Amino acid sequence: MVSSSYFTFIGAAILASQAAASPIARRGFFGDLFGEINHALEGTMDAIQSIIPSRAPTSEADAAAALNKIFSSGGPTGFIDTTTQLLKAGFAPSRLADLLDVNKTYTTGGNSMVNSPPALPKGAASIFPKAADGDAPFSLSEDVLRQAIFIPDGFTTGKKNPLLIIPGTGQPSFMTYQPNLIPITQKSDFADPVWLNIPGFLLGDAQKSAEYIAYAIGYMSALTGKKVTLIAYSQGNIITQWALTFWPSARKAVSSFVALSPAFRGSILVDAGCVPIKDITGCPPAIHQQRLDSQFVKAMRARGGDSALVPTIAMFSATDEIAQPQVGSDATALLKDPSNVGFTPVRVQDVCKGKLAGGVATHEGMLYHPLTLAMLQDAMTHDGKADVSRVDVNRLCGQAVADGMTLDALVQTEAGIVKAGGAFVEYRPYLQTEPPIASYAA
């Protein structure tokens, strides 16, 4: 295993030795250095592959205990440590070899980022290049934006309420939600899910990623003739909030927004998504933008994005290992609600205090948490407004997973963090600072 301290020591020594070199010499040196870094990263993935995972937990109680052991006492630091501990605890993807080429493994089938959604019906409202005055301009073409929308077989095109599924950092939607919410909602009578597989695994400029969401909201509403429910995970929440902030026409097409593990103010722990050599290489652009009070965050909040813009339900955990802080009035999951559109914060430790589902809950754990599906269903069957008092809290809080899910949903969802790590390692180019703010948001 390649350790953080190894990279820190080697990086500092090399940089010090080159401080007095000429610009041309340094340029050649850094070309060689980044070649060595790429080699080291490949070695890191090889080392992860060499780990022999323990047998997966055999009960919900065992799984909860294993996660509690990993995350309750300080928790792991960074992707490598998190991945190692999850694998050793039995939270392993079915094929570790897939991590070596996520750009091939997780861009086909339900993960496809090049799809062919149908044309909109005649007479449908125009959504491109603008749905209404006041909307930000799209920098991407309509063909590119539409291709990211995956409409599965069996979609009823408006007979059931449309549910737009939005991914998190390092993952396409299908990879993230297939072990948990996709099969459950497909079988339900209250939701008709489609999902976004955004190119670049949400590691590129978040402002570009938000364009896919803004477009998909308008497209799905025009296609079905109904308002759309949004469910997003991790970074998907902050870019959804960006889309709602700078494409105000999209708000009229949204019934509700269910935010899983959101960091609407950014996070103090987001750098854990960078490899240990971030001080030398930088980070993927979206990591910079998710830092607490980044320029991206400040620009959004200055234009009203600090408040709920549609009925919003925030599902979050005080023990989130990625999105922090999540306690007190400064919790990054919280939004204001001056317009009284409806903001419902659900910190699972508060609602399920003293019960199984109120213990250690991970960032990814909100995808299978028993309250998540219940609150989603409540919102979609009550005009977008969820109310925890209508949910069977006593029963659900005694479970580790949502109704209809199995232990495998928990194990494979936790293993999704391992898969996302492969995308972090493969992504290029890394940046030393966050991308500039788009002119429409400046």
Protein backbone atom coordinates (compact mmCIF):
# COMPACT_ATOMS: atom_id res chain seq x y z
CA MET A 1 0.00 0.00 0.00
CA VAL A 2 1.28 3.48 -0.91
CA SER A 3 0.89 5.76 2.09
CA SER A 4 0.11 9.47 2.33
CA SER A 5 3.26 10.08 4.34
CA TYR A 6 5.34 8.47 1.60
CA PHE A 7 4.02 10.92 -1.00
CA THR A 8 4.36 13.89 1.33
CA PHE A 9 7.99 13.09 2.14
CA ILE A 10 9.01 12.31 -1.44
CA GLY A 11 7.11 15.29 -2.87
CA ALA A 12 8.66 17.77 -0.43
CA ALA A 13 12.15 16.47 -1.01
CA ILE A 14 11.84 16.58 -4.80
CA LEU A 15 10.28 20.04 -4.88
CA ALA A 16 12.99 21.42 -2.59
CA SER A 17 15.71 19.99 -4.81
CA GLN A 18 14.22 21.70 -7.88
CA ALA A 19 13.52 25.12 -6.36
CA ALA A 20 16.64 26.70 -7.87
CA ALA A 21 16.40 25.01 -11.28
CA SER A 22 15.71 26.98 -14.47
CA PRO A 23 12.10 27.19 -15.81
CA ILE A 24 12.98 24.89 -18.74
CA ALA A 25 14.64 22.38 -16.45
CA ARG A 26 11.69 22.48 -14.06
CA ARG A 27 9.25 21.94 -16.94
CA GLY A 28 11.10 18.83 -18.02
CA PHE A 29 11.38 17.68 -14.45
CA PHE A 30 7.65 18.08 -13.78
CA GLY A 31 6.83 16.14 -16.94
CA ASP A 32 8.91 13.28 -15.57
CA LEU A 33 7.43 13.75 -12.09
CA PHE A 34 3.85 13.47 -13.29
CA GLY A 35 4.78 10.37 -15.23
CA GLU A 36 6.02 8.91 -11.95
CA ILE A 37 2.87 10.07 -10.18
CA ASN A 38 0.68 8.33 -12.76
CA HIS A 39 2.75 5.20 -12.24
CA ALA A 40 2.32 5.52 -8.47
CA LEU A 41 -1.44 5.89 -8.82
CA GLU A 42 -1.60 2.77 -10.94
CA GLY A 43 0.37 1.04 -8.22
CA THR A 44 -2.14 2.30 -5.67
CA MET A 45 -5.00 0.67 -7.57
CA ASP A 46 -2.95 -2.51 -7.95
CA ALA A 47 -2.40 -2.50 -4.20
CA ILE A 48 -6.12 -2.09 -3.58
CA GLN A 49 -6.82 -4.96 -5.94
CA SER A 50 -4.43 -7.15 -4.00
CA ILE A 51 -6.53 -6.84 -0.86
CA ILE A 52 -8.48 -9.99 -0.18
CA PRO A 53 -11.86 -8.79 1.11
CA SER A 54 -13.36 -10.41 4.14
CA ARG A 55 -16.60 -12.27 3.74
CA ALA A 56 -19.51 -9.86 3.49
CA PRO A 57 -21.58 -9.27 6.65
CA THR A 58 -24.25 -11.94 7.05
CA SER A 59 -26.87 -9.83 8.84
CA GLU A 60 -28.01 -6.23 9.04
CA ALA A 61 -26.80 -6.06 12.63
CA ASP A 62 -23.34 -7.32 11.61
CA ALA A 63 -23.17 -4.79 8.77
CA ALA A 64 -24.16 -1.94 11.08
CA ALA A 65 -21.58 -3.05 13.65
CA ALA A 66 -18.84 -3.22 11.00
CA LEU A 67 -19.63 0.29 9.75
CA ASN A 68 -19.77 1.58 13.31
CA LYS A 69 -16.30 0.15 13.94
CA ILE A 70 -14.88 1.80 10.80
CA PHE A 71 -16.45 5.24 11.10
CA SER A 72 -17.24 5.94 14.75
CA SER A 73 -13.74 6.62 16.13
CA GLY A 74 -12.28 9.31 13.91
CA GLY A 75 -12.87 7.26 10.80
CA PRO A 76 -10.61 6.70 7.81
CA THR A 77 -8.69 9.52 6.14
CA GLY A 78 -8.97 9.74 2.38
CA PHE A 79 -9.95 7.40 -0.40
CA ILE A 80 -7.20 4.83 0.07
CA ASP A 81 -7.83 4.39 3.78
CA THR A 82 -11.62 4.29 3.35
CA THR A 83 -11.37 1.79 0.50
CA THR A 84 -8.98 -0.44 2.41
CA GLN A 85 -11.14 -0.55 5.51
CA LEU A 86 -14.37 -1.18 3.60
CA LEU A 87 -12.78 -4.02 1.64
CA LYS A 88 -11.33 -5.59 4.76
CA ALA A 89 -14.79 -5.44 6.35
CA GLY A 90 -16.37 -7.25 3.40
CA PHE A 91 -17.94 -4.30 1.56
CA ALA A 92 -16.51 -5.24 -1.81
CA PRO A 93 -17.73 -4.84 -5.40
CA SER A 94 -18.29 -8.07 -7.26
CA ARG A 95 -15.21 -7.52 -9.49
CA LEU A 96 -12.26 -5.54 -8.16
CA ALA A 97 -10.67 -5.79 -11.61
CA ASP A 98 -13.30 -3.37 -12.90
CA LEU A 99 -11.62 -0.57 -10.93
CA LEU A 100 -8.70 -0.53 -13.37
CA ASP A 101 -10.82 0.95 -16.18
CA VAL A 102 -13.95 2.61 -14.84
CA ASN A 103 -14.27 4.62 -18.04
CA LYS A 104 -14.99 1.36 -19.85
CA THR A 105 -16.70 -0.66 -17.14
CA TYR A 106 -19.15 1.96 -15.93
CA THR A 107 -20.20 3.70 -19.17
CA THR A 108 -22.24 0.95 -20.80
CA GLY A 109 -25.72 -0.50 -20.31
CA GLY A 110 -27.60 1.37 -17.59
CA ASN A 111 -24.48 3.52 -17.06
CA SER A 112 -24.41 4.70 -20.68
CA MET A 113 -23.66 8.38 -21.14
CA VAL A 114 -24.63 8.37 -24.81
CA ASN A 115 -28.35 7.61 -25.02
CA SER A 116 -31.21 8.34 -27.42
CA PRO A 117 -34.20 9.72 -25.50
CA PRO A 118 -37.27 10.35 -27.67
CA ALA A 119 -38.08 13.65 -29.29
CA LEU A 120 -40.44 15.89 -27.35
CA PRO A 121 -44.09 15.82 -28.41
CA LYS A 122 -45.33 18.43 -30.85
CA GLY A 123 -46.45 21.54 -29.07
CA ALA A 124 -44.19 20.97 -26.06
CA ALA A 125 -42.71 24.10 -24.58
CA SER A 126 -39.27 25.05 -25.85
CA ILE A 127 -36.47 24.33 -23.40
CA PHE A 128 -33.40 25.01 -25.56
CA PRO A 129 -31.54 27.31 -25.93
CA LYS A 130 -33.67 28.89 -23.19
CA ALA A 131 -36.92 27.96 -21.53
CA ALA A 132 -37.48 31.51 -20.29
CA ASP A 133 -35.83 34.87 -19.92
CA GLY A 134 -33.61 34.91 -16.87
CA ASP A 135 -32.23 31.42 -17.43
CA ALA A 136 -28.47 31.04 -17.73
CA PRO A 137 -27.18 30.14 -21.19
CA PHE A 138 -26.20 26.57 -22.01
CA SER A 139 -22.61 26.15 -23.15
CA LEU A 140 -23.21 22.54 -24.21
CA SER A 141 -25.24 21.50 -27.23
CA GLU A 142 -28.74 20.10 -26.86
CA ASP A 143 -27.65 16.76 -28.33
CA VAL A 144 -24.92 16.41 -25.70
CA LEU A 145 -27.25 17.39 -22.87
CA ARG A 146 -30.01 15.04 -23.95
CA GLN A 147 -27.70 12.03 -24.43
CA ALA A 148 -27.00 11.88 -20.69
CA ILE A 149 -30.66 11.03 -19.93
CA PHE A 150 -31.25 7.28 -19.58
CA ILE A 151 -34.88 6.24 -19.95
CA PRO A 152 -35.28 2.56 -19.03
CA ASP A 153 -37.62 0.06 -20.66
CA GLY A 154 -41.05 0.22 -19.10
CA PHE A 155 -41.07 3.98 -18.57
CA THR A 156 -44.72 5.05 -18.67
CA THR A 157 -44.18 8.60 -20.01
CA GLY A 158 -46.45 10.30 -17.53
CA LYS A 159 -48.79 7.55 -16.32
CA LYS A 160 -46.78 7.58 -13.08
CA ASN A 161 -45.00 10.56 -11.57
CA PRO A 162 -41.53 11.03 -13.11
CA LEU A 163 -38.52 10.71 -10.80
CA LEU A 164 -35.23 12.15 -12.07
CA ILE A 165 -32.25 10.43 -10.42
CA ILE A 166 -29.01 12.43 -10.13
CA PRO A 167 -25.60 10.94 -9.24
CA GLY A 168 -22.77 11.89 -6.90
CA THR A 169 -19.06 12.52 -7.36
CA GLY A 170 -17.17 9.80 -9.19
CA GLN A 171 -20.25 7.81 -10.20
CA PRO A 172 -22.90 7.52 -12.89
CA SER A 173 -26.45 7.24 -11.55
CA PHE A 174 -27.04 3.60 -12.41
CA MET A 175 -23.92 2.42 -10.60
CA THR A 176 -24.96 4.43 -7.53
CA TYR A 177 -28.66 3.63 -7.34
CA GLN A 178 -28.99 0.17 -8.88
CA PRO A 179 -28.23 -1.64 -5.59
CA ASN A 180 -30.87 0.39 -3.76
CA LEU A 181 -33.47 2.85 -5.03
CA ILE A 182 -33.72 2.13 -8.76
CA PRO A 183 -35.27 -1.37 -8.53
CA ILE A 184 -37.53 -0.35 -5.65
CA THR A 185 -38.95 2.71 -7.42
CA GLN A 186 -39.31 0.87 -10.72
CA LYS A 187 -41.61 -1.62 -9.01
CA SER A 188 -43.54 1.07 -7.14
CA ASP A 189 -46.88 2.60 -8.03
CA PHE A 190 -45.79 6.13 -7.06
CA ALA A 191 -42.61 6.77 -9.10
CA ASP A 192 -41.35 6.31 -12.63
CA PRO A 193 -37.54 6.66 -12.50
CA VAL A 194 -35.18 7.87 -15.18
CA TRP A 195 -31.59 8.80 -14.47
CA LEU A 196 -28.73 11.01 -15.49
CA ASN A 197 -25.29 9.58 -16.32
CA ILE A 198 -23.21 12.73 -16.58
CA PRO A 199 -19.94 12.47 -18.57
CA GLY A 200 -16.81 12.84 -16.47
CA PHE A 201 -18.35 11.14 -13.42
CA LEU A 202 -19.08 14.59 -11.90
CA LEU A 203 -15.38 15.25 -11.43
CA GLY A 204 -15.17 18.09 -13.96
CA ASP A 205 -16.43 21.66 -13.63
CA ALA A 206 -19.64 21.52 -11.58
CA GLN A 207 -21.05 24.45 -13.55
CA LYS A 208 -21.01 22.28 -16.69
CA SER A 209 -22.51 19.34 -14.80
CA ALA A 210 -25.38 21.56 -13.65
CA GLU A 211 -26.34 22.20 -17.27
CA TYR A 212 -27.27 18.52 -17.65
CA ILE A 213 -29.61 18.76 -14.67
CA ALA A 214 -31.24 22.03 -15.75
CA TYR A 215 -31.88 20.59 -19.21
CA ALA A 216 -33.12 17.21 -17.96
CA ILE A 217 -35.67 18.83 -15.65
CA GLY A 218 -37.23 20.76 -18.52
CA TYR A 219 -37.02 17.82 -20.89
CA MET A 220 -38.66 15.31 -18.52
CA SER A 221 -41.45 17.71 -17.62
CA ALA A 222 -42.13 18.47 -21.28
CA LEU A 223 -41.99 14.77 -22.21
CA THR A 224 -44.42 13.63 -19.50
CA GLY A 225 -46.58 16.71 -19.07
CA LYS A 226 -45.97 16.53 -15.31
CA LYS A 227 -43.79 18.12 -12.68
CA VAL A 228 -40.67 16.12 -11.87
CA THR A 229 -39.42 14.87 -8.51
CA LEU A 230 -35.64 15.12 -8.14
CA ILE A 231 -33.50 12.84 -6.00
CA ALA A 232 -29.81 13.56 -5.80
CA TYR A 233 -26.86 12.18 -3.87
CA SER A 234 -23.71 13.87 -2.58
CA GLN A 235 -22.35 16.45 -5.08
CA GLY A 236 -25.51 15.93 -7.11
CA ASN A 237 -27.29 18.08 -4.54
CA ILE A 238 -25.13 21.16 -4.80
CA ILE A 239 -25.18 21.12 -8.59
CA THR A 240 -28.94 20.59 -8.56
CA GLN A 241 -29.22 23.64 -6.30
CA TRP A 242 -26.97 25.53 -8.75
CA ALA A 243 -29.27 24.53 -11.63
CA LEU A 244 -32.37 25.67 -9.72
CA THR A 245 -30.62 28.93 -8.82
CA PHE A 246 -29.48 29.94 -12.30
CA TRP A 247 -32.23 28.33 -14.41
CA PRO A 248 -35.29 29.67 -12.55
CA SER A 249 -37.69 28.26 -15.15
CA ALA A 250 -36.71 24.78 -13.92
CA ARG A 251 -38.30 25.47 -10.53
CA LYS A 252 -41.76 25.54 -12.12
CA ALA A 253 -41.17 22.03 -13.48
CA VAL A 254 -40.16 20.48 -10.11
CA SER A 255 -42.54 18.92 -7.62
CA SER A 256 -39.95 18.22 -4.93
CA PHE A 257 -36.23 17.74 -4.40
CA VAL A 258 -35.00 14.93 -2.13
CA ALA A 259 -31.37 15.60 -1.22
CA LEU A 260 -29.33 12.66 0.09
CA SER A 261 -26.18 13.60 2.08
CA PRO A 262 -26.11 17.18 0.80
CA ALA A 263 -23.34 19.71 1.37
CA PHE A 264 -25.05 22.91 0.27
CA ARG A 265 -22.29 25.02 1.86
CA GLY A 266 -19.51 22.66 0.77
CA SER A 267 -17.58 20.41 3.13
CA ILE A 268 -14.52 20.62 5.35
CA LEU A 269 -13.74 16.98 4.48
CA VAL A 270 -14.09 17.04 0.71
CA ASP A 271 -10.32 16.87 0.16
CA ALA A 272 -10.57 13.24 1.23
CA GLY A 273 -11.71 12.76 -2.36
CA CYS A 274 -8.24 13.69 -3.63
CA VAL A 275 -5.35 11.31 -3.72
CA PRO A 276 -2.72 11.77 -0.99
CA ILE A 277 -0.47 13.75 -3.32
CA LYS A 278 -2.98 16.56 -3.92
CA ASP A 279 -0.47 19.24 -2.87
CA ILE A 280 1.63 18.25 -5.89
CA THR A 281 -1.01 17.25 -8.43
CA GLY A 282 -4.02 19.33 -7.41
CA CYS A 283 -7.53 17.87 -7.42
CA PRO A 284 -10.33 17.21 -9.90
CA PRO A 285 -12.14 20.52 -10.54
CA ALA A 286 -15.34 19.51 -8.74
CA ILE A 287 -13.42 18.76 -5.54
CA HIS A 288 -12.19 22.35 -5.34
CA GLN A 289 -15.74 23.56 -5.92
CA GLN A 290 -17.14 21.46 -3.05
CA ARG A 291 -14.88 22.87 -0.38
CA LEU A 292 -16.57 24.77 2.41
CA ASP A 293 -17.34 28.28 1.15
CA SER A 294 -15.57 27.82 -2.18
CA GLN A 295 -16.06 30.50 -4.84
CA PHE A 296 -18.61 28.17 -6.44
CA VAL A 297 -20.55 27.93 -3.18
CA LYS A 298 -20.32 31.67 -2.53
CA ALA A 299 -21.57 32.54 -6.03
CA MET A 300 -24.57 30.23 -5.69
CA ARG A 301 -25.52 31.38 -2.20
CA ALA A 302 -25.17 35.05 -3.15
CA ARG A 303 -27.89 34.55 -5.77
CA GLY A 304 -30.43 32.84 -3.52
CA GLY A 305 -29.03 29.32 -3.54
CA ASP A 306 -28.72 29.36 0.24
CA SER A 307 -32.50 28.87 0.39
CA ALA A 308 -34.93 26.18 -0.70
CA LEU A 309 -36.15 27.08 -4.19
CA VAL A 310 -38.58 24.16 -4.49
CA PRO A 311 -40.02 21.88 -1.77
CA THR A 312 -36.82 20.24 -0.47
CA ILE A 313 -36.21 17.30 1.85
CA ALA A 314 -32.65 16.91 3.17
CA MET A 315 -31.74 13.39 4.35
CA PHE A 316 -28.43 13.49 6.22
CA SER A 317 -26.30 11.97 8.96
CA ALA A 318 -24.31 13.53 11.77
CA THR A 319 -21.67 10.83 11.18
CA ASP A 320 -21.25 11.52 7.45
CA GLU A 321 -17.61 10.80 6.57
CA ILE A 322 -17.53 13.19 3.58
CA ALA A 323 -20.06 16.02 4.03
CA GLN A 324 -19.30 17.96 7.21
CA PRO A 325 -20.23 19.78 9.39
CA GLN A 326 -23.59 18.10 9.89
CA VAL A 327 -24.46 19.11 13.45
CA GLY A 328 -25.98 22.27 14.85
CA SER A 329 -27.31 25.26 12.96
CA ASP A 330 -24.24 25.35 10.71
CA ALA A 331 -24.88 21.88 9.25
CA THR A 332 -24.04 22.00 5.56
CA ALA A 333 -27.23 20.11 4.71
CA LEU A 334 -29.43 22.99 5.88
CA LEU A 335 -31.12 25.59 3.69
CA LYS A 336 -33.13 28.67 4.61
CA ASP A 337 -36.78 28.92 3.60
CA PRO A 338 -37.76 32.61 3.48
CA SER A 339 -40.33 32.01 0.73
CA ASN A 340 -41.95 29.15 2.65
CA VAL A 341 -41.71 26.74 -0.29
CA GLY A 342 -41.03 23.96 2.21
CA PHE A 343 -37.71 22.74 3.62
CA THR A 344 -37.71 19.52 5.65
CA PRO A 345 -34.40 18.56 7.30
CA VAL A 346 -34.15 14.93 8.44
CA ARG A 347 -30.99 14.19 10.42
CA VAL A 348 -31.41 10.46 10.96
CA GLN A 349 -29.81 10.43 14.42
CA ASP A 350 -32.46 12.89 15.61
CA VAL A 351 -35.45 11.02 14.18
CA CYS A 352 -34.18 7.50 15.00
CA LYS A 353 -32.41 8.28 18.27
CA GLY A 354 -31.58 5.14 20.23
CA LYS A 355 -32.57 2.78 17.41
CA LEU A 356 -30.59 0.83 14.78
CA ALA A 357 -31.15 3.38 12.02
CA GLY A 358 -30.14 6.22 14.33
CA GLY A 359 -26.59 5.04 14.93
CA VAL A 360 -23.59 5.47 12.66
CA ALA A 361 -24.87 6.27 9.17
CA THR A 362 -22.43 6.87 6.35
CA HIS A 363 -22.50 9.36 3.48
CA GLU A 364 -23.55 6.59 1.09
CA GLY A 365 -25.83 5.10 3.73
CA MET A 366 -28.57 7.60 2.92
CA LEU A 367 -29.14 5.68 -0.32
CA TYR A 368 -30.48 2.66 1.56
CA HIS A 369 -31.53 4.24 4.86
CA PRO A 370 -35.08 3.16 5.79
CA LEU A 371 -36.25 6.76 6.19
CA THR A 372 -35.11 7.81 2.71
CA LEU A 373 -37.53 5.70 0.70
CA ALA A 374 -40.34 6.49 3.12
CA MET A 375 -39.79 10.25 2.84
CA LEU A 376 -39.46 10.05 -0.95
CA GLN A 377 -42.76 8.19 -1.18
CA ASP A 378 -44.42 10.60 1.22
CA ALA A 379 -43.32 13.59 -0.86
CA MET A 380 -44.39 12.03 -4.15
CA THR A 381 -47.83 11.18 -2.82
CA HIS A 382 -48.46 14.55 -1.12
CA ASP A 383 -47.80 17.12 -3.86
CA GLY A 384 -44.09 17.29 -3.10
CA LYS A 385 -44.37 18.14 0.58
CA ALA A 386 -42.96 15.44 2.90
CA ASP A 387 -43.81 15.18 6.58
CA VAL A 388 -41.96 12.80 8.87
CA SER A 389 -45.04 12.57 11.11
CA ARG A 390 -46.78 10.59 8.36
CA VAL A 391 -43.97 8.00 8.32
CA ASP A 392 -43.91 4.89 10.52
CA VAL A 393 -40.81 6.01 12.38
CA ASN A 394 -40.95 3.40 15.15
CA ARG A 395 -40.91 0.50 12.72
CA LEU A 396 -38.51 1.94 10.14
CA CYS A 397 -35.93 3.10 12.65
CA GLY A 398 -35.52 -0.49 13.80
CA GLN A 399 -34.29 -1.49 10.33
CA ALA A 400 -30.92 -1.10 8.66
CA VAL A 401 -32.30 -0.83 5.12
CA ALA A 402 -35.45 0.46 3.46
CA ASP A 403 -38.54 -1.62 2.88
CA GLY A 404 -38.02 -3.98 -0.04
CA MET A 405 -34.22 -3.86 0.17
CA THR A 406 -31.95 -6.66 1.35
CA LEU A 407 -28.62 -6.86 3.12
CA ASP A 408 -26.98 -6.99 -0.31
CA ALA A 409 -28.29 -3.48 -1.01
CA LEU A 410 -26.34 -2.24 2.00
CA VAL A 411 -23.15 -4.10 1.12
CA GLN A 412 -23.11 -3.14 -2.56
CA THR A 413 -24.01 0.49 -1.85
CA GLU A 414 -21.10 0.79 0.57
CA ALA A 415 -18.88 -0.86 -2.06
CA GLY A 416 -19.84 1.96 -4.42
CA ILE A 417 -17.32 4.17 -2.63
CA VAL A 418 -14.61 1.74 -3.76
CA LYS A 419 -15.84 1.96 -7.36
CA ALA A 420 -15.95 5.76 -7.26
CA GLY A 421 -12.33 5.75 -6.13
CA GLY A 422 -11.32 4.28 -9.46
CA ALA A 423 -12.81 7.30 -11.22
CA PHE A 424 -10.90 9.69 -8.93
CA VAL A 425 -7.60 8.00 -9.74
CA GLU A 426 -8.23 7.91 -13.51
CA TYR A 427 -9.58 11.46 -13.90
CA ARG A 428 -7.50 14.07 -15.77
CA PRO A 429 -6.67 16.91 -15.68
CA TYR A 430 -6.27 17.78 -12.01
CA LEU A 431 -6.25 21.50 -11.18
CA GLN A 432 -4.49 23.47 -8.48
CA THR A 433 -7.44 25.86 -8.04
CA GLU A 434 -11.16 25.78 -8.78
CA PRO A 435 -12.45 26.76 -12.25
CA PRO A 436 -13.44 30.40 -12.73
CA ILE A 437 -17.04 31.34 -12.07
CA ALA A 438 -19.17 31.55 -15.22
CA SER A 439 -20.07 35.09 -16.32
CA TYR A 440 -23.79 34.50 -15.70
CA ALA A 441 -23.05 33.79 -12.01
CA ALA A 442 -20.29 36.31 -11.36
